[in-house]
C-alpha atoms as a PDB file:
ATOM      1  CA  MET A   1       0.892 -26.874  -1.651  1.00  0.00           C
ATOM      2  CA  ARG A   2       2.046 -26.620  -5.262  1.00  0.00           C
ATOM      3  CA  VAL A   3       4.740 -24.472  -6.815  1.00  0.00           C
ATOM      4  CA  SER A   4       1.960 -22.480  -8.491  1.00  0.00           C
ATOM      5  CA  ASP A   5       0.686 -21.479  -5.025  1.00  0.00           C
ATOM      6  CA  VAL A   6       3.922 -19.777  -3.981  1.00  0.00           C
ATOM      7  CA  MET A   7       5.478 -18.462  -7.186  1.00  0.00           C
ATOM      8  CA  THR A   8       5.372 -14.973  -8.633  1.00  0.00           C
ATOM      9  CA  ARG A   9       3.567 -15.585 -11.900  1.00  0.00           C
ATOM     10  CA  VAL A  10       4.968 -14.692 -15.330  1.00  0.00           C
ATOM     11  CA  PRO A  11       8.600 -14.032 -14.449  1.00  0.00           C
ATOM     12  CA  LEU A  12      10.537 -11.175 -15.946  1.00  0.00           C
ATOM     13  CA  THR A  13      13.338 -12.485 -18.151  1.00  0.00           C
ATOM     14  CA  ALA A  14      16.037 -10.996 -20.344  1.00  0.00           C
ATOM     15  CA  SER A  15      16.876 -11.898 -23.932  1.00  0.00           C
ATOM     16  CA  PRO A  16      20.430 -12.770 -25.002  1.00  0.00           C
ATOM     17  CA  ASP A  17      20.855  -9.424 -26.773  1.00  0.00           C
ATOM     18  CA  ALA A  18      19.912  -7.323 -23.717  1.00  0.00           C
ATOM     19  CA  THR A  19      22.705  -5.070 -22.474  1.00  0.00           C
ATOM     20  CA  ALA A  20      23.763  -4.776 -18.844  1.00  0.00           C
ATOM     21  CA  GLU A  21      22.371  -1.247 -18.809  1.00  0.00           C
ATOM     22  CA  GLU A  22      18.970  -2.391 -20.079  1.00  0.00           C
ATOM     23  CA  VAL A  23      18.867  -5.207 -17.538  1.00  0.00           C
ATOM     24  CA  ALA A  24      19.820  -2.881 -14.698  1.00  0.00           C
ATOM     25  CA  ALA A  25      17.079  -0.416 -15.665  1.00  0.00           C
ATOM     26  CA  LEU A  26      14.431  -3.166 -15.766  1.00  0.00           C
ATOM     27  CA  ALA A  27      15.581  -4.642 -12.451  1.00  0.00           C
ATOM     28  CA  GLU A  28      15.468  -1.213 -10.818  1.00  0.00           C
ATOM     29  CA  ALA A  29      11.990  -0.448 -12.203  1.00  0.00           C
ATOM     30  CA  ALA A  30      10.634  -3.788 -10.996  1.00  0.00           C
ATOM     31  CA  HIS A  31      12.503  -3.756  -7.665  1.00  0.00           C
ATOM     32  CA  ILE A  32      14.013  -7.175  -8.335  1.00  0.00           C
ATOM     33  CA  HIS A  33      17.503  -8.602  -7.943  1.00  0.00           C
ATOM     34  CA  HIS A  34      17.317 -11.612 -10.275  1.00  0.00           C
ATOM     35  CA  LEU A  35      16.653 -11.627 -14.017  1.00  0.00           C
ATOM     36  CA  PRO A  36      17.049 -14.979 -15.832  1.00  0.00           C
ATOM     37  CA  LEU A  37      18.638 -14.856 -19.281  1.00  0.00           C
ATOM     38  CA  VAL A  38      16.438 -17.040 -21.498  1.00  0.00           C
ATOM     39  CA  ASP A  39      17.144 -18.124 -25.066  1.00  0.00           C
ATOM     40  CA  GLY A  40      14.139 -19.980 -26.452  1.00  0.00           C
ATOM     41  CA  GLN A  41      13.390 -22.804 -24.044  1.00  0.00           C
ATOM     42  CA  GLU A  42      16.757 -22.694 -22.312  1.00  0.00           C
ATOM     43  CA  VAL A  43      18.111 -20.659 -19.417  1.00  0.00           C
ATOM     44  CA  VAL A  44      21.599 -19.565 -20.402  1.00  0.00           C
ATOM     45  CA  GLY A  45      22.466 -17.256 -17.513  1.00  0.00           C
ATOM     46  CA  LEU A  46      21.249 -15.152 -14.617  1.00  0.00           C
ATOM     47  CA  TRP A  47      21.598 -11.418 -14.251  1.00  0.00           C
ATOM     48  CA  LEU A  48      22.132 -10.595 -10.579  1.00  0.00           C
ATOM     49  CA  ALA A  49      21.831  -7.097  -9.113  1.00  0.00           C
ATOM     50  CA  THR A  50      24.456  -6.834  -6.398  1.00  0.00           C
ATOM     51  CA  ASP A  51      24.332  -4.733  -3.242  1.00  0.00           C
ATOM     52  CA  GLU A  52      27.422  -2.915  -4.457  1.00  0.00           C
ATOM     53  CA  GLY A  53      25.576  -1.580  -7.508  1.00  0.00           C
ATOM     54  CA  PRO A  54      26.609  -3.342 -10.731  1.00  0.00           C
ATOM     55  CA  THR A  55      24.441  -5.978 -12.394  1.00  0.00           C
ATOM     56  CA  VAL A  56      26.504  -9.086 -13.148  1.00  0.00           C
ATOM     57  CA  LEU A  57      25.870 -12.141 -15.305  1.00  0.00           C
ATOM     58  CA  ILE A  58      26.388 -15.484 -13.548  1.00  0.00           C
ATOM     59  CA  SER A  59      26.043 -19.122 -14.566  1.00  0.00           C
ATOM     60  CA  ALA A  60      22.722 -20.674 -15.556  1.00  0.00           C
ATOM     61  CA  GLU A  61      23.527 -23.421 -13.035  1.00  0.00           C
ATOM     62  CA  LYS A  62      22.301 -21.016 -10.344  1.00  0.00           C
ATOM     63  CA  VAL A  63      18.757 -21.174 -11.769  1.00  0.00           C
ATOM     64  CA  GLY A  64      16.655 -24.097 -10.574  1.00  0.00           C
ATOM     65  CA  ARG A  65      13.859 -25.637 -12.615  1.00  0.00           C
ATOM     66  CA  VAL A  66      10.520 -27.132 -11.564  1.00  0.00           C
ATOM     67  CA  ASP A  67       7.132 -27.784 -13.059  1.00  0.00           C
ATOM     68  CA  ALA A  68       4.455 -25.399 -11.774  1.00  0.00           C
ATOM     69  CA  SER A  69       2.260 -28.358 -10.793  1.00  0.00           C
ATOM     70  CA  GLU A  70       4.942 -30.014  -8.646  1.00  0.00           C
ATOM     71  CA  PRO A  71       4.963 -29.818  -4.844  1.00  0.00           C
ATOM     72  CA  ALA A  72       6.335 -26.500  -3.565  1.00  0.00           C
ATOM     73  CA  GLN A  73       8.837 -28.422  -1.455  1.00  0.00           C
ATOM     74  CA  LYS A  74      10.846 -29.172  -4.596  1.00  0.00           C
ATOM     75  CA  ALA A  75      11.430 -25.448  -5.181  1.00  0.00           C
ATOM     76  CA  VAL A  76      12.197 -24.939  -1.489  1.00  0.00           C
ATOM     77  CA  ASP A  77      14.841 -27.661  -1.545  1.00  0.00           C
ATOM     78  CA  GLN A  78      16.561 -26.028  -4.505  1.00  0.00           C
ATOM     79  CA  LEU A  79      16.544 -22.581  -2.879  1.00  0.00           C
ATOM     80  CA  LEU A  80      17.914 -24.031   0.341  1.00  0.00           C
ATOM     81  CA  GLY A  81      20.669 -25.607  -1.742  1.00  0.00           C
ATOM     82  CA  ASP A  82      22.823 -23.459  -3.992  1.00  0.00           C
ATOM     83  CA  GLN A  83      20.225 -22.049  -6.406  1.00  0.00           C
ATOM     84  CA  GLU A  84      19.664 -18.293  -6.517  1.00  0.00           C
ATOM     85  CA  ILE A  85      16.137 -18.605  -7.921  1.00  0.00           C
ATOM     86  CA  VAL A  86      13.852 -21.316  -9.289  1.00  0.00           C
ATOM     87  CA  LEU A  87      11.945 -20.978 -12.563  1.00  0.00           C
ATOM     88  CA  ALA A  88       8.585 -22.726 -12.805  1.00  0.00           C
ATOM     89  CA  TRP A  89       7.617 -24.098 -16.215  1.00  0.00           C
ATOM     90  CA  GLU A  90       4.508 -25.337 -17.981  1.00  0.00           C
ATOM     91  CA  GLY A  91       5.726 -27.284 -20.974  1.00  0.00           C
ATOM     92  CA  SER A  92       8.165 -25.073 -22.850  1.00  0.00           C
ATOM     93  CA  GLU A  93       7.108 -21.786 -21.232  1.00  0.00           C
ATOM     94  CA  PRO A  94       8.399 -20.245 -17.983  1.00  0.00           C
ATOM     95  CA  VAL A  95       5.272 -19.256 -16.058  1.00  0.00           C
ATOM     96  CA  GLY A  96       6.619 -18.271 -12.653  1.00  0.00           C
ATOM     97  CA  VAL A  97       9.609 -17.669 -10.456  1.00  0.00           C
ATOM     98  CA  VAL A  98      10.218 -18.631  -6.841  1.00  0.00           C
ATOM     99  CA  THR A  99      12.671 -16.610  -4.772  1.00  0.00           C
ATOM    100  CA  ARG A 100      13.545 -16.526  -1.105  1.00  0.00           C
ATOM    101  CA  THR A 101      11.312 -13.467  -0.837  1.00  0.00           C
ATOM    102  CA  ASP A 102       8.375 -15.572  -2.062  1.00  0.00           C
ATOM    103  CA  LEU A 103       9.116 -18.192   0.590  1.00  0.00           C
ATOM    104  CA  LYS A 104       9.267 -15.544   3.298  1.00  0.00           C
ATOM    105  CA  ARG A 105       5.924 -14.144   2.148  1.00  0.00           C
ATOM    106  CA  VAL A 106       4.335 -17.590   2.314  1.00  0.00           C
ATOM    107  CA  LEU A 107       5.795 -18.158   5.778  1.00  0.00           C
ATOM    108  CA  ASP A 108       4.539 -14.782   6.989  1.00  0.00           C
ATOM    109  CA  THR A 109       1.070 -15.569   5.631  1.00  0.00           C
ATOM    110  CA  ALA A 110       1.056 -19.000   7.233  1.00  0.00           C
ATOM    111  CA  MET A 111       2.043 -17.600  10.618  1.00  0.00           C
ATOM    112  CA  ALA A 112      -0.567 -14.854  10.404  1.00  0.00           C
ATOM    113  CA  ARG A 113      -3.448 -17.034   9.172  1.00  0.00           C
ATOM    114  CA  GLY A 114      -2.563 -20.462  10.431  1.00  0.00           C
ATOM    115  CA  TYR A 115      -0.529 -23.239   8.852  1.00  0.00           C
ATOM    116  CA  GLY A 116      -1.967 -25.219   5.972  1.00  0.00           C
ATOM    117  CA  GLU A 117      -3.953 -22.400   4.345  1.00  0.00           C
ATOM    118  CA  ARG A 118      -3.335 -21.669   0.693  1.00  0.00           C
ATOM    119  CA  HIS A 119      -1.287 -18.566  -0.010  1.00  0.00           C
ATOM    120  CA  HIS A 120      -2.939 -15.674  -1.831  1.00  0.00           C
ATOM    121  CA  HIS A 121      -1.139 -12.501  -2.784  1.00  0.00           C
ATOM    122  CA  THR A 122      -2.814  -9.107  -2.754  1.00  0.00           C
ATOM    123  CA  PRO A 123      -3.660  -7.918  -6.271  1.00  0.00           C
ATOM    124  CA  LEU A 124      -2.991  -4.431  -7.552  1.00  0.00           C
ATOM    125  CA  VAL A 125      -6.285  -2.522  -7.859  1.00  0.00           C
ATOM    126  CA  VAL A 126      -6.633   0.179 -10.517  1.00  0.00           C
ATOM    127  CA  ARG A 127      -9.758   2.257  -9.927  1.00  0.00           C
ATOM    128  CA  PHE A 128     -11.317   4.119 -12.861  1.00  0.00           C
ATOM    129  CA  PHE A 129     -13.901   6.832 -12.356  1.00  0.00           C
ATOM    130  CA  GLY A 130     -15.497   9.593 -14.412  1.00  0.00           C
ATOM    131  CA  GLY A 131     -18.826  10.622 -15.874  1.00  0.00           C
ATOM    132  CA  ALA A 132     -21.219   8.418 -17.805  1.00  0.00           C
ATOM    133  CA  SER A 133     -20.002   7.748 -21.376  1.00  0.00           C
ATOM    134  CA  SER A 134     -16.530   9.049 -20.526  1.00  0.00           C
ATOM    135  CA  GLY A 135     -14.908   5.950 -22.016  1.00  0.00           C
ATOM    136  CA  LYS A 136     -13.991   4.028 -18.864  1.00  0.00           C
ATOM    137  CA  THR A 137     -15.285   0.672 -20.072  1.00  0.00           C
ATOM    138  CA  THR A 138     -13.662   0.921 -23.495  1.00  0.00           C
ATOM    139  CA  LEU A 139     -10.325   1.927 -21.963  1.00  0.00           C
ATOM    140  CA  ILE A 140     -10.397  -1.094 -19.645  1.00  0.00           C
ATOM    141  CA  MET A 141     -11.324  -3.441 -22.480  1.00  0.00           C
ATOM    142  CA  ARG A 142      -8.453  -2.172 -24.624  1.00  0.00           C
ATOM    143  CA  THR A 143      -5.995  -2.341 -21.716  1.00  0.00           C
ATOM    144  CA  ILE A 144      -6.627  -5.970 -20.708  1.00  0.00           C
ATOM    145  CA  PRO A 145      -5.092  -7.555 -23.843  1.00  0.00           C
ATOM    146  CA  ARG A 146      -2.025  -5.354 -23.414  1.00  0.00           C
ATOM    147  CA  LEU A 147      -1.316  -6.768 -19.951  1.00  0.00           C
ATOM    148  CA  ARG A 148      -1.638 -10.455 -20.810  1.00  0.00           C
ATOM    149  CA  HIS A 149       1.483 -11.317 -18.799  1.00  0.00           C
ATOM    150  CA  TRP A 150      -0.563 -10.682 -15.638  1.00  0.00           C
ATOM    151  CA  GLN A 151      -3.864 -12.337 -14.780  1.00  0.00           C
ATOM    152  CA  SER A 152      -6.482  -9.604 -14.550  1.00  0.00           C
ATOM    153  CA  GLY A 153     -10.073  -9.307 -13.422  1.00  0.00           C
ATOM    154  CA  VAL A 154     -12.778  -6.655 -13.763  1.00  0.00           C
ATOM    155  CA  ILE A 155     -15.142  -5.222 -11.164  1.00  0.00           C
ATOM    156  CA  GLU A 156     -18.095  -3.107 -12.252  1.00  0.00           C
ATOM    157  CA  ALA A 157     -19.831  -0.927  -9.665  1.00  0.00           C
ATOM    158  CA  CYS A 158     -22.227   0.354 -12.337  1.00  0.00           C
ATOM    159  CA  ARG A 159     -25.402  -1.464 -13.304  1.00  0.00           C
ATOM    160  CA  PRO A 160     -24.595  -3.785 -16.260  1.00  0.00           C
ATOM    161  CA  THR A 161     -26.296  -3.552 -19.635  1.00  0.00           C
ATOM    162  CA  ASP A 162     -27.380  -6.660 -21.526  1.00  0.00           C
ATOM    163  CA  GLN A 163     -24.282  -6.550 -23.718  1.00  0.00           C
ATOM    164  CA  GLU A 164     -21.573  -5.899 -21.141  1.00  0.00           C
ATOM    165  CA  PRO A 165     -21.230  -9.391 -19.579  1.00  0.00           C
ATOM    166  CA  ASP A 166     -20.649 -10.935 -23.013  1.00  0.00           C
ATOM    167  CA  ARG A 167     -18.017  -8.346 -23.879  1.00  0.00           C
ATOM    168  CA  ARG A 168     -16.112  -9.232 -20.717  1.00  0.00           C
ATOM    169  CA  GLN A 169     -16.314 -12.942 -21.463  1.00  0.00           C
ATOM    170  CA  ARG A 170     -14.804 -12.448 -24.887  1.00  0.00           C
ATOM    171  CA  GLU A 171     -11.748 -10.943 -23.247  1.00  0.00           C
ATOM    172  CA  GLY A 172     -11.399 -14.162 -21.277  1.00  0.00           C
ATOM    173  CA  GLN A 173     -11.126 -12.461 -17.895  1.00  0.00           C
ATOM    174  CA  PRO A 174     -13.349 -12.875 -14.830  1.00  0.00           C
ATOM    175  CA  VAL A 175     -15.800 -10.056 -14.135  1.00  0.00           C
ATOM    176  CA  VAL A 176     -17.997  -9.231 -11.160  1.00  0.00           C
ATOM    177  CA  PHE A 177     -20.901  -6.782 -11.288  1.00  0.00           C
ATOM    178  CA  ASP A 178     -21.681  -5.423  -7.826  1.00  0.00           C
ATOM    179  CA  GLU A 179     -23.019  -1.926  -7.119  1.00  0.00           C
ATOM    180  CA  ARG A 180     -21.845  -2.279  -3.515  1.00  0.00           C
ATOM    181  CA  ALA A 181     -18.191  -2.510  -4.593  1.00  0.00           C
ATOM    182  CA  HIS A 182     -17.895   1.250  -4.168  1.00  0.00           C
ATOM    183  CA  TYR A 183     -17.927   0.787  -0.390  1.00  0.00           C
ATOM    184  CA  ARG A 184     -14.641   0.211   1.382  1.00  0.00           C
ATOM    185  CA  SER A 185     -16.061  -2.551   3.566  1.00  0.00           C
ATOM    186  CA  VAL A 186     -17.396  -4.481   0.550  1.00  0.00           C
ATOM    187  CA  LEU A 187     -14.643  -4.081  -2.052  1.00  0.00           C
ATOM    188  CA  PRO A 188     -12.273  -6.742  -0.578  1.00  0.00           C
ATOM    189  CA  GLN A 189     -15.073  -9.317  -0.662  1.00  0.00           C
ATOM    190  CA  VAL A 190     -15.847  -8.489  -4.292  1.00  0.00           C
ATOM    191  CA  ILE A 191     -12.163  -8.769  -5.207  1.00  0.00           C
ATOM    192  CA  GLY A 192     -12.114 -12.197  -3.580  1.00  0.00           C
ATOM    193  CA  GLY A 193     -14.908 -13.261  -5.911  1.00  0.00           C
ATOM    194  CA  LEU A 194     -12.591 -12.818  -8.897  1.00  0.00           C
ATOM    195  CA  GLY A 195     -10.321 -15.650  -7.792  1.00  0.00           C
ATOM    196  CA  PRO A 196      -6.514 -15.507  -8.050  1.00  0.00           C
ATOM    197  CA  VAL A 197      -5.740 -12.379 -10.103  1.00  0.00           C
ATOM    198  CA  ASP A 198      -2.757 -10.037 -10.246  1.00  0.00           C
ATOM    199  CA  VAL A 199      -4.458  -6.839 -11.439  1.00  0.00           C
ATOM    200  CA  VAL A 200      -8.032  -5.698 -10.776  1.00  0.00           C
ATOM    201  CA  PHE A 201      -9.586  -3.115 -13.085  1.00  0.00           C
ATOM    202  CA  PHE A 202     -12.275  -1.528 -10.909  1.00  0.00           C
ATOM    203  CA  GLU A 203     -14.770   0.614 -12.823  1.00  0.00           C
ATOM    204  CA  ASP A 204     -16.431   2.783 -10.194  1.00  0.00           C
ATOM    205  CA  ARG A 205     -19.838   4.386 -10.425  1.00  0.00           C
ATOM    206  CA  ASP A 206     -20.234   7.033 -13.099  1.00  0.00           C
ATOM    207  CA  ARG A 207     -20.255   9.777 -10.502  1.00  0.00           C
ATOM    208  CA  PRO A 208     -19.391   8.386  -7.058  1.00  0.00           C
ATOM    209  CA  ASP A 209     -20.685  10.400  -4.110  1.00  0.00           C
ATOM    210  CA  VAL A 210     -17.158  10.985  -2.818  1.00  0.00           C
ATOM    211  CA  PRO A 211     -14.930  10.136  -5.807  1.00  0.00           C
ATOM    212  CA  HIS A 212     -11.622  10.523  -4.031  1.00  0.00           C
ATOM    213  CA  ASP A 213     -12.435   8.461  -0.946  1.00  0.00           C
ATOM    214  CA  GLU A 214      -9.712   5.898  -0.306  1.00  0.00           C
ATOM    215  CA  LEU A 215     -11.193   2.442  -0.945  1.00  0.00           C
ATOM    216  CA  GLY A 216      -7.974   0.478  -0.651  1.00  0.00           C
ATOM    217  CA  GLU A 217      -7.046   0.758  -4.329  1.00  0.00           C
ATOM    218  CA  SER A 218      -3.450   1.005  -5.570  1.00  0.00           C
ATOM    219  CA  LEU A 219      -3.945   3.501  -8.408  1.00  0.00           C
ATOM    220  CA  ARG A 220      -6.684   5.980  -9.268  1.00  0.00           C
ATOM    221  CA  VAL A 221      -7.404   6.984 -12.856  1.00  0.00           C
ATOM    222  CA  PHE A 222      -9.815   9.759 -13.834  1.00  0.00           C
ATOM    223  CA  VAL A 223     -11.297   9.328 -17.329  1.00  0.00           C
ATOM    224  CA  VAL A 224     -12.836  12.261 -19.206  1.00  0.00           C
ATOM    225  CA  ALA A 225     -14.006  12.601 -22.811  1.00  0.00           C
ATOM    226  CA  ALA A 226     -12.124  15.212 -24.835  1.00  0.00           C
ATOM    227  CA  GLY A 227     -15.328  17.161 -25.384  1.00  0.00           C
ATOM    228  CA  ASP A 228     -15.849  17.497 -21.618  1.00  0.00           C
ATOM    229  CA  VAL A 229     -12.360  18.711 -20.655  1.00  0.00           C
ATOM    230  CA  ALA A 230     -13.403  22.363 -20.702  1.00  0.00           C
ATOM    231  CA  GLY A 231     -15.919  21.698 -17.937  1.00  0.00           C
ATOM    232  CA  LEU A 232     -13.478  20.065 -15.540  1.00  0.00           C
ATOM    233  CA  ASP A 233     -13.026  21.302 -12.008  1.00  0.00           C
ATOM    234  CA  PRO A 234      -9.601  21.278 -10.289  1.00  0.00           C
ATOM    235  CA  GLY A 235     -11.116  18.980  -7.684  1.00  0.00           C
ATOM    236  CA  ASP A 236     -11.409  16.274 -10.330  1.00  0.00           C
ATOM    237  CA  PHE A 237      -7.622  15.827 -10.207  1.00  0.00           C
ATOM    238  CA  VAL A 238      -7.255  15.565  -6.432  1.00  0.00           C
ATOM    239  CA  ASP A 239      -5.377  12.450  -5.286  1.00  0.00           C
ATOM    240  CA  VAL A 240      -5.289  10.725  -8.667  1.00  0.00           C
ATOM    241  CA  GLU A 241      -2.245   9.223 -10.340  1.00  0.00           C
ATOM    242  CA  ALA A 242      -3.437   9.652 -13.915  1.00  0.00           C
ATOM    243  CA  VAL A 243      -5.978  11.449 -16.092  1.00  0.00           C
ATOM    244  CA  VAL A 244      -6.955   9.789 -19.368  1.00  0.00           C
ATOM    245  CA  ILE A 245      -8.553  12.070 -21.953  1.00  0.00           C
ATOM    246  CA  SER A 246     -10.615   9.732 -24.112  1.00  0.00           C
ATOM    247  CA  LYS A 247     -12.516   9.887 -27.401  1.00  0.00           C
ATOM    248  CA  LEU A 248      -9.905  11.910 -29.269  1.00  0.00           C
ATOM    249  CA  ASP A 249     -11.419  10.582 -32.487  1.00  0.00           C
ATOM    250  CA  VAL A 250     -14.628  12.556 -31.852  1.00  0.00           C
ATOM    251  CA  ALA A 251     -13.070  15.556 -30.112  1.00  0.00           C
ATOM    252  CA  PRO A 252     -14.339  19.033 -31.058  1.00  0.00           C
ATOM    253  CA  ASP A 253     -12.428  20.687 -33.902  1.00  0.00           C
ATOM    254  CA  HIS A 254     -10.940  23.253 -31.541  1.00  0.00           C
ATOM    255  CA  PHE A 255      -9.703  20.679 -29.004  1.00  0.00           C
ATOM    256  CA  ASP A 256      -5.955  20.873 -28.292  1.00  0.00           C
ATOM    257  CA  LEU A 257      -4.543  17.879 -26.403  1.00  0.00           C
ATOM    258  CA  ALA A 258      -1.268  19.614 -25.566  1.00  0.00           C
ATOM    259  CA  ALA A 259      -3.126  22.619 -24.128  1.00  0.00           C
ATOM    260  CA  ALA A 260      -5.426  20.331 -22.107  1.00  0.00           C
ATOM    261  CA  ARG A 261      -2.406  18.475 -20.722  1.00  0.00           C
ATOM    262  CA  GLU A 262      -0.760  21.763 -19.719  1.00  0.00           C
ATOM    263  CA  MET A 263      -3.958  22.946 -18.039  1.00  0.00           C
ATOM    264  CA  ILE A 264      -4.201  19.791 -15.944  1.00  0.00           C
ATOM    265  CA  LYS A 265      -0.479  19.797 -15.127  1.00  0.00           C
ATOM    266  CA  ALA A 266      -0.732  23.397 -13.927  1.00  0.00           C
ATOM    267  CA  VAL A 267      -3.255  22.309 -11.300  1.00  0.00           C
ATOM    268  CA  ALA A 268      -1.794  18.871 -10.525  1.00  0.00           C
ATOM    269  CA  PRO A 269       1.859  18.709 -11.675  1.00  0.00           C
ATOM    270  CA  ARG A 270       2.417  15.142 -10.463  1.00  0.00           C
ATOM    271  CA  VAL A 271      -0.526  13.668 -12.352  1.00  0.00           C
ATOM    272  CA  GLU A 272       0.230  11.814 -15.587  1.00  0.00           C
ATOM    273  CA  VAL A 273      -2.021  12.833 -18.489  1.00  0.00           C
ATOM    274  CA  PHE A 274      -2.781  10.624 -21.483  1.00  0.00           C
ATOM    275  CA  GLY A 275      -4.873  11.066 -24.594  1.00  0.00           C
ATOM    276  CA  VAL A 276      -6.473   8.043 -26.277  1.00  0.00           C
ATOM    277  CA  ALA A 277      -8.971   7.112 -28.945  1.00  0.00           C
ATOM    278  CA  ALA A 278      -9.508   3.621 -27.569  1.00  0.00           C
ATOM    279  CA  ALA A 279     -12.720   2.912 -29.477  1.00  0.00           C
ATOM    280  CA  ALA A 280     -11.219   3.885 -32.828  1.00  0.00           C
ATOM    281  CA  ASP A 281      -7.481   3.207 -33.019  1.00  0.00           C
ATOM    282  CA  GLN A 282      -4.221   2.669 -31.114  1.00  0.00           C
ATOM    283  CA  ARG A 283      -3.617   6.370 -30.529  1.00  0.00           C
ATOM    284  CA  GLY A 284      -2.050   6.967 -27.118  1.00  0.00           C
ATOM    285  CA  LEU A 285      -2.431   3.380 -25.931  1.00  0.00           C
ATOM    286  CA  ASP A 286       1.289   2.546 -26.095  1.00  0.00           C
ATOM    287  CA  GLU A 287       2.119   5.473 -23.817  1.00  0.00           C
ATOM    288  CA  TRP A 288      -0.708   4.530 -21.433  1.00  0.00           C
ATOM    289  CA  GLN A 289       0.393   0.877 -21.354  1.00  0.00           C
ATOM    290  CA  ALA A 290       4.040   1.771 -20.681  1.00  0.00           C
ATOM    291  CA  TRP A 291       3.073   3.954 -17.718  1.00  0.00           C
ATOM    292  CA  LEU A 292       0.682   1.370 -16.274  1.00  0.00           C
ATOM    293  CA  GLU A 293       3.267  -1.416 -16.552  1.00  0.00           C
ATOM    294  CA  LYS A 294       5.800   0.785 -14.791  1.00  0.00           C
ATOM    295  CA  GLN A 295       3.346   1.178 -11.890  1.00  0.00           C
ATOM    296  CA  CYS A 296       2.626  -2.559 -11.805  1.00  0.00           C
ATOM    297  CA  LEU A 297       6.195  -3.834 -11.919  1.00  0.00           C
ATOM    298  CA  PRO A 298       7.377  -2.899  -8.408  1.00  0.00           C
ATOM    299  CA  ARG A 299       4.085  -4.043  -6.874  1.00  0.00           C
ATOM    300  CA  LEU A 300       3.866  -7.413  -8.631  1.00  0.00           C
ATOM    301  CA  HIS A 301       7.568  -8.351  -8.854  1.00  0.00           C
ATOM    302  CA  ASN A 302       9.693  -7.849  -5.771  1.00  0.00           C
ATOM    303  CA  ASP A 303      12.525 -10.153  -4.706  1.00  0.00           C
END
């Protein structure tokens, strides 16, 4: 077993100019206790969230260092010594972190599945649904490059067109087309076909028979074109975490994004509402990315 098999990929780090308050906020959002302070190719300290509350800066000597391709035992030995965490590197870039929580997860997996099997973590699954031509595919394609610090994959439950496989390949991420992915019993198998990924963007059928059925996903996102907002039914917002109003660039002249957001919030106050013009420009994408990252952090980084 290699370090790369047990580490949490793409570690969160802090820059030398980060304040204690900024570090504490990031650590709280990500549910982590350790945040290495990195200056270029060097670790110069370690922010540590204490049980008592304050986040303190301790010596860089408490951060171990391994190559991601080395045997995992090397990271284990350092953690069993006096290191707080171990950073895994590929050349000059930190690509992962190993904590005692990671070791416990590997041990739990080994005991549940049998010793000697390779460890796989459970990816976060973001399920997108909405009508045909609502903008689901474009939103996913524009989101992938914004989450490059996590390995992502795409599942399509709709029938592919001739162009769609090539578009996915240009993004450099694995994609699986399988109309059976909509079924709860099949989805885990389809996810497994993507290989080791952190985030799965699952584009459901255009109009699933039971759109709000729980399929084992982590987040549910309803996508609707701005021109179709007036025809929405309150049931469209049931049990979703976010509504993305797309195609703002071709919205009707009378369309009011603020009014649409208020209308949706009145029915579903806990749902986040975003407006984007993903096919045309960057409008709304920063806000959407920030929210999505906030949802991913505690699920993908937890020590």
